[in-house]
Amino acid sequence: MALNNSYDARLVQQETAVGAGVQVLLLALIGTAIGMGPAGWLTGLAFAIATWAVLSRALHRSRLRSFGAANRVTLGRAILVGGVTALVADSFQDSPPVTLFVGLTAVALILDGVDGKVARRTGTSTPLGARFDMEVDAFLILVLSVYVSMAMGPWVLLIGGMRYVFVAAARVWPWLNAALPPSTARKAVAALQGILLLVAGANLLPHLVNVGVVALALGLLVWSFGRDVLWLWRTSRVRPARTEQPVRELVAG
């Protein structure tokens, strides 16, 4: 039995290595197609190595027996995000081809709705898979906000940085780590961020319209985060009162 567990663990780790290899292959194809410079190459390779290292460690700690079809979809999406990241890094020197940039980003956004469905249909939903999916989403939004900010200003970075600010704040205020109730509105706002940033990044609309699109994305995100933070704060205030009530009744008795 131990031999089987060890063998399965090696297979799981091999899938992350294959993913890193495919990432390098995608970078090579992009580099050949557009003549990508050092910044794009270094950033893309750093993304591939970091993804492989973090995911391998997470898989080792979770002890999954199988990587799973849903995680393969998310890994494929992460590979596309790595390509977008390399293009954005390279764009500080030369603007990337719009078709390639839009194509990679659009496929990555479309696949965002696939991995969850695959996980539910195959019964392979795991906390690791959900976290992997969320981190890929958050990083793509960050990369897109960096790209759009080059044309509109640093205020756009608030979109990509808000989630990471929330995570940092949760280290200071632990009540932010409480579980949130499911919300269709939250999911819709999160999905719209990538779409709206891609629309602005494609630069097919007049500049003022693009500014309005990005401002809409930021406004929706502020509303969504604000609503969740308020709910978490109110919940944190109610919880201590509930735990103190039995103690008061015991003293009174």
Protein backbone atom coordinates (compact mmCIF):
# COMPACT_ATOMS: atom_id res chain seq x y z
CA MET A 1 0.00 0.00 0.00
CA ALA A 2 2.84 2.38 0.83
CA LEU A 3 4.41 1.68 -2.53
CA ASN A 4 1.21 2.66 -4.30
CA ASN A 5 0.97 5.91 -2.34
CA SER A 6 4.57 6.79 -3.20
CA TYR A 7 4.05 5.99 -6.88
CA ASP A 8 0.88 8.11 -7.05
CA ALA A 9 2.67 11.00 -5.36
CA ARG A 10 5.42 10.87 -7.99
CA LEU A 11 2.84 10.91 -10.77
CA VAL A 12 1.16 13.96 -9.25
CA GLN A 13 4.48 15.79 -9.02
CA GLN A 14 5.32 14.82 -12.60
CA GLU A 15 2.23 16.66 -13.85
CA THR A 16 3.53 19.93 -12.43
CA ALA A 17 6.88 19.32 -14.12
CA VAL A 18 5.09 18.69 -17.43
CA GLY A 19 3.21 21.94 -16.91
CA ALA A 20 6.47 23.82 -16.45
CA GLY A 21 7.81 22.23 -19.62
CA VAL A 22 4.72 23.25 -21.59
CA GLN A 23 5.10 26.77 -20.20
CA VAL A 24 8.66 26.97 -21.55
CA LEU A 25 7.44 25.63 -24.90
CA LEU A 26 4.75 28.33 -25.06
CA LEU A 27 7.35 30.99 -24.27
CA ALA A 28 9.54 29.64 -27.05
CA LEU A 29 6.65 29.84 -29.52
CA ILE A 30 5.82 33.39 -28.44
CA GLY A 31 9.47 34.38 -28.57
CA THR A 32 9.83 33.01 -32.07
CA ALA A 33 6.65 34.71 -33.25
CA ILE A 34 7.32 38.22 -31.92
CA GLY A 35 11.04 38.25 -31.14
CA MET A 36 10.48 38.58 -27.40
CA GLY A 37 13.16 40.46 -25.48
CA PRO A 38 15.02 39.55 -22.26
CA ALA A 39 12.38 41.07 -19.97
CA GLY A 40 9.65 38.86 -21.40
CA TRP A 41 11.80 35.74 -21.31
CA LEU A 42 13.02 36.27 -17.75
CA THR A 43 9.56 37.10 -16.44
CA GLY A 44 7.97 34.15 -18.21
CA LEU A 45 10.61 31.73 -16.94
CA ALA A 46 10.34 33.12 -13.41
CA PHE A 47 6.57 32.58 -13.56
CA ALA A 48 7.04 28.98 -14.75
CA ILE A 49 9.56 28.16 -12.00
CA ALA A 50 7.51 29.86 -9.28
CA THR A 51 4.31 28.09 -10.35
CA TRP A 52 6.04 24.71 -10.42
CA ALA A 53 7.68 25.23 -7.01
CA VAL A 54 4.60 26.55 -5.19
CA LEU A 55 2.23 24.00 -6.72
CA SER A 56 4.61 21.10 -6.06
CA ARG A 57 4.91 22.09 -2.42
CA ALA A 58 1.16 22.47 -2.06
CA LEU A 59 0.56 19.06 -3.63
CA HIS A 60 3.11 17.47 -1.32
CA ARG A 61 1.44 18.97 1.75
CA SER A 62 -2.08 18.06 0.62
CA ARG A 63 -1.06 14.46 -0.27
CA LEU A 64 -3.44 14.22 -3.21
CA ARG A 65 -3.51 10.77 -4.78
CA SER A 66 -4.43 12.21 -8.18
CA PHE A 67 -3.90 15.60 -9.78
CA GLY A 68 -7.38 15.54 -11.25
CA ALA A 69 -8.95 16.77 -14.49
CA ALA A 70 -10.06 20.10 -13.01
CA ASN A 71 -6.54 20.90 -11.80
CA ARG A 72 -5.23 20.07 -15.27
CA VAL A 73 -7.57 22.67 -16.73
CA THR A 74 -6.40 25.21 -14.13
CA LEU A 75 -2.78 24.34 -14.86
CA GLY A 76 -3.44 24.91 -18.57
CA ARG A 77 -4.92 28.26 -17.70
CA ALA A 78 -1.89 29.09 -15.57
CA ILE A 79 0.33 28.33 -18.56
CA LEU A 80 -1.65 30.80 -20.67
CA VAL A 81 -1.37 33.37 -17.87
CA GLY A 82 2.38 32.83 -17.93
CA GLY A 83 2.37 33.69 -21.62
CA VAL A 84 0.31 36.83 -20.98
CA THR A 85 2.70 37.78 -18.18
CA ALA A 86 5.67 37.48 -20.52
CA LEU A 87 3.91 39.62 -23.15
CA VAL A 88 3.12 42.32 -20.59
CA ALA A 89 6.70 42.35 -19.31
CA ASP A 90 7.94 42.61 -22.88
CA SER A 91 5.49 45.44 -23.59
CA PHE A 92 7.57 47.84 -21.49
CA GLN A 93 9.89 47.86 -24.51
CA ASP A 94 7.64 46.92 -27.43
CA SER A 95 3.85 46.71 -27.63
CA PRO A 96 2.71 43.08 -27.97
CA PRO A 97 0.64 42.03 -30.99
CA VAL A 98 -2.97 42.76 -30.03
CA THR A 99 -4.25 39.52 -31.56
CA LEU A 100 -1.85 37.35 -29.57
CA PHE A 101 -2.41 39.25 -26.32
CA VAL A 102 -6.20 39.17 -26.66
CA GLY A 103 -6.22 35.54 -27.79
CA LEU A 104 -4.20 34.18 -24.86
CA THR A 105 -6.09 36.27 -22.33
CA ALA A 106 -9.51 35.43 -23.74
CA VAL A 107 -8.86 31.68 -23.66
CA ALA A 108 -7.56 31.95 -20.08
CA LEU A 109 -10.73 33.81 -19.06
CA ILE A 110 -13.00 31.31 -20.82
CA LEU A 111 -11.30 28.38 -19.10
CA ASP A 112 -11.99 30.03 -15.76
CA GLY A 113 -15.54 28.74 -16.01
CA VAL A 114 -14.49 25.25 -17.09
CA ASP A 115 -12.34 23.94 -14.24
CA GLY A 116 -15.07 24.45 -11.62
CA LYS A 117 -17.62 22.60 -13.73
CA VAL A 118 -15.20 19.75 -14.34
CA ALA A 119 -14.47 19.49 -10.61
CA ARG A 120 -18.17 19.33 -9.74
CA ARG A 121 -19.04 16.82 -12.45
CA THR A 122 -16.16 14.50 -11.57
CA GLY A 123 -16.57 14.92 -7.82
CA THR A 124 -12.96 16.04 -7.47
CA SER A 125 -13.43 19.44 -5.81
CA THR A 126 -10.68 20.06 -3.26
CA PRO A 127 -9.53 23.04 -1.17
CA LEU A 128 -6.23 22.97 -3.07
CA GLY A 129 -8.02 23.10 -6.43
CA ALA A 130 -10.17 26.04 -5.30
CA ARG A 131 -7.12 27.90 -4.00
CA PHE A 132 -5.14 27.17 -7.18
CA ASP A 133 -8.01 28.49 -9.29
CA MET A 134 -8.32 31.63 -7.17
CA GLU A 135 -4.60 32.42 -7.25
CA VAL A 136 -4.44 32.06 -11.05
CA ASP A 137 -7.44 34.39 -11.37
CA ALA A 138 -5.94 36.97 -9.04
CA PHE A 139 -2.57 36.96 -10.78
CA LEU A 140 -4.12 37.36 -14.23
CA ILE A 141 -6.10 40.38 -12.98
CA LEU A 142 -2.89 41.84 -11.53
CA VAL A 143 -1.02 41.38 -14.81
CA LEU A 144 -3.86 42.89 -16.84
CA SER A 145 -4.07 45.87 -14.49
CA VAL A 146 -0.33 46.46 -14.91
CA TYR A 147 -0.74 46.42 -18.68
CA VAL A 148 -3.71 48.79 -18.72
CA SER A 149 -2.06 51.12 -16.19
CA MET A 150 0.68 51.88 -18.71
CA ALA A 151 -1.91 53.73 -20.79
CA MET A 152 -4.23 55.03 -18.06
CA GLY A 153 -2.09 55.62 -15.01
CA PRO A 154 -1.23 53.90 -11.73
CA TRP A 155 -4.79 54.12 -10.36
CA VAL A 156 -5.64 51.02 -12.41
CA LEU A 157 -3.26 49.01 -10.22
CA LEU A 158 -5.86 49.23 -7.46
CA ILE A 159 -7.83 46.58 -9.33
CA GLY A 160 -5.01 44.05 -9.40
CA GLY A 161 -3.66 44.91 -5.97
CA MET A 162 -6.90 44.95 -3.97
CA ARG A 163 -7.02 41.23 -3.34
CA TYR A 164 -3.38 41.16 -2.20
CA VAL A 165 -4.00 44.13 0.11
CA PHE A 166 -6.92 42.19 1.58
CA VAL A 167 -4.69 39.16 2.21
CA ALA A 168 -2.05 41.35 3.85
CA ALA A 169 -4.69 43.05 6.00
CA ALA A 170 -5.97 39.65 7.15
CA ARG A 171 -2.58 39.03 8.77
CA VAL A 172 -3.12 42.11 10.91
CA TRP A 173 -6.86 41.64 11.53
CA PRO A 174 -7.57 37.88 11.80
CA TRP A 175 -11.35 38.42 11.60
CA LEU A 176 -10.86 39.00 7.86
CA ASN A 177 -9.94 35.29 7.55
CA ALA A 178 -13.45 34.11 8.41
CA ALA A 179 -15.32 32.20 5.72
CA LEU A 180 -17.67 34.27 3.57
CA PRO A 181 -21.11 33.02 2.52
CA PRO A 182 -21.51 32.06 -1.14
CA SER A 183 -22.37 35.02 -3.35
CA THR A 184 -23.34 35.09 -7.01
CA ALA A 185 -22.68 38.84 -7.09
CA ARG A 186 -19.12 38.34 -5.82
CA LYS A 187 -18.43 35.73 -8.51
CA ALA A 188 -19.92 37.95 -11.21
CA VAL A 189 -17.82 40.95 -10.17
CA ALA A 190 -14.67 38.81 -10.10
CA ALA A 191 -15.39 37.45 -13.58
CA LEU A 192 -16.09 40.93 -14.96
CA GLN A 193 -12.70 42.26 -13.85
CA GLY A 194 -10.79 40.22 -16.42
CA ILE A 195 -13.31 40.88 -19.18
CA LEU A 196 -13.39 44.64 -18.65
CA LEU A 197 -9.61 44.90 -18.34
CA LEU A 198 -9.20 42.89 -21.53
CA VAL A 199 -11.63 45.18 -23.36
CA ALA A 200 -9.61 48.20 -22.25
CA GLY A 201 -6.28 46.49 -22.94
CA ALA A 202 -7.30 45.60 -26.49
CA ASN A 203 -7.53 49.36 -27.13
CA LEU A 204 -10.28 48.95 -29.72
CA LEU A 205 -12.48 51.64 -28.16
CA PRO A 206 -11.87 55.38 -27.74
CA HIS A 207 -9.63 56.26 -24.81
CA LEU A 208 -12.38 57.90 -22.75
CA VAL A 209 -14.61 54.86 -23.20
CA ASN A 210 -11.78 52.59 -22.05
CA VAL A 211 -11.28 54.78 -18.99
CA GLY A 212 -14.98 54.45 -18.22
CA VAL A 213 -14.79 50.66 -18.62
CA VAL A 214 -11.88 50.37 -16.20
CA ALA A 215 -13.52 52.80 -13.76
CA LEU A 216 -16.61 50.59 -13.82
CA ALA A 217 -14.46 47.54 -13.04
CA LEU A 218 -12.82 49.34 -10.11
CA GLY A 219 -16.14 50.62 -8.78
CA LEU A 220 -17.68 47.15 -8.84
CA LEU A 221 -14.63 45.68 -7.12
CA VAL A 222 -14.64 48.32 -4.37
CA TRP A 223 -18.34 47.64 -3.81
CA SER A 224 -17.79 43.87 -3.65
CA PHE A 225 -14.81 44.04 -1.29
CA GLY A 226 -16.49 46.70 0.83
CA ARG A 227 -19.61 44.59 1.23
CA ASP A 228 -17.59 41.53 2.23
CA VAL A 229 -15.40 43.43 4.68
CA LEU A 230 -18.48 44.96 6.29
CA TRP A 231 -20.10 41.52 6.61
CA LEU A 232 -16.93 40.07 8.16
CA TRP A 233 -16.65 42.96 10.60
CA ARG A 234 -20.26 42.65 11.71
CA THR A 235 -19.88 38.89 12.10
CA SER A 236 -16.74 39.33 14.19
CA ARG A 237 -18.66 41.69 16.50
CA VAL A 238 -21.58 39.29 16.94
CA ARG A 239 -19.47 36.19 17.59
CA PRO A 240 -17.87 37.35 20.88
CA ALA A 241 -21.28 38.42 22.19
CA ARG A 242 -22.66 34.94 21.52
CA THR A 243 -19.76 33.25 23.31
CA GLU A 244 -20.07 35.58 26.31
CA GLN A 245 -23.80 34.95 26.78
CA PRO A 246 -23.54 31.46 28.35
CA VAL A 247 -20.88 32.73 30.74
CA ARG A 248 -23.14 35.57 31.90
CA GLU A 249 -26.05 33.18 32.38
CA LEU A 250 -23.86 30.83 34.40
CA VAL A 251 -22.69 33.66 36.68
CA ALA A 252 -26.26 34.90 37.09
CA GLY A 253 -27.40 31.39 38.02
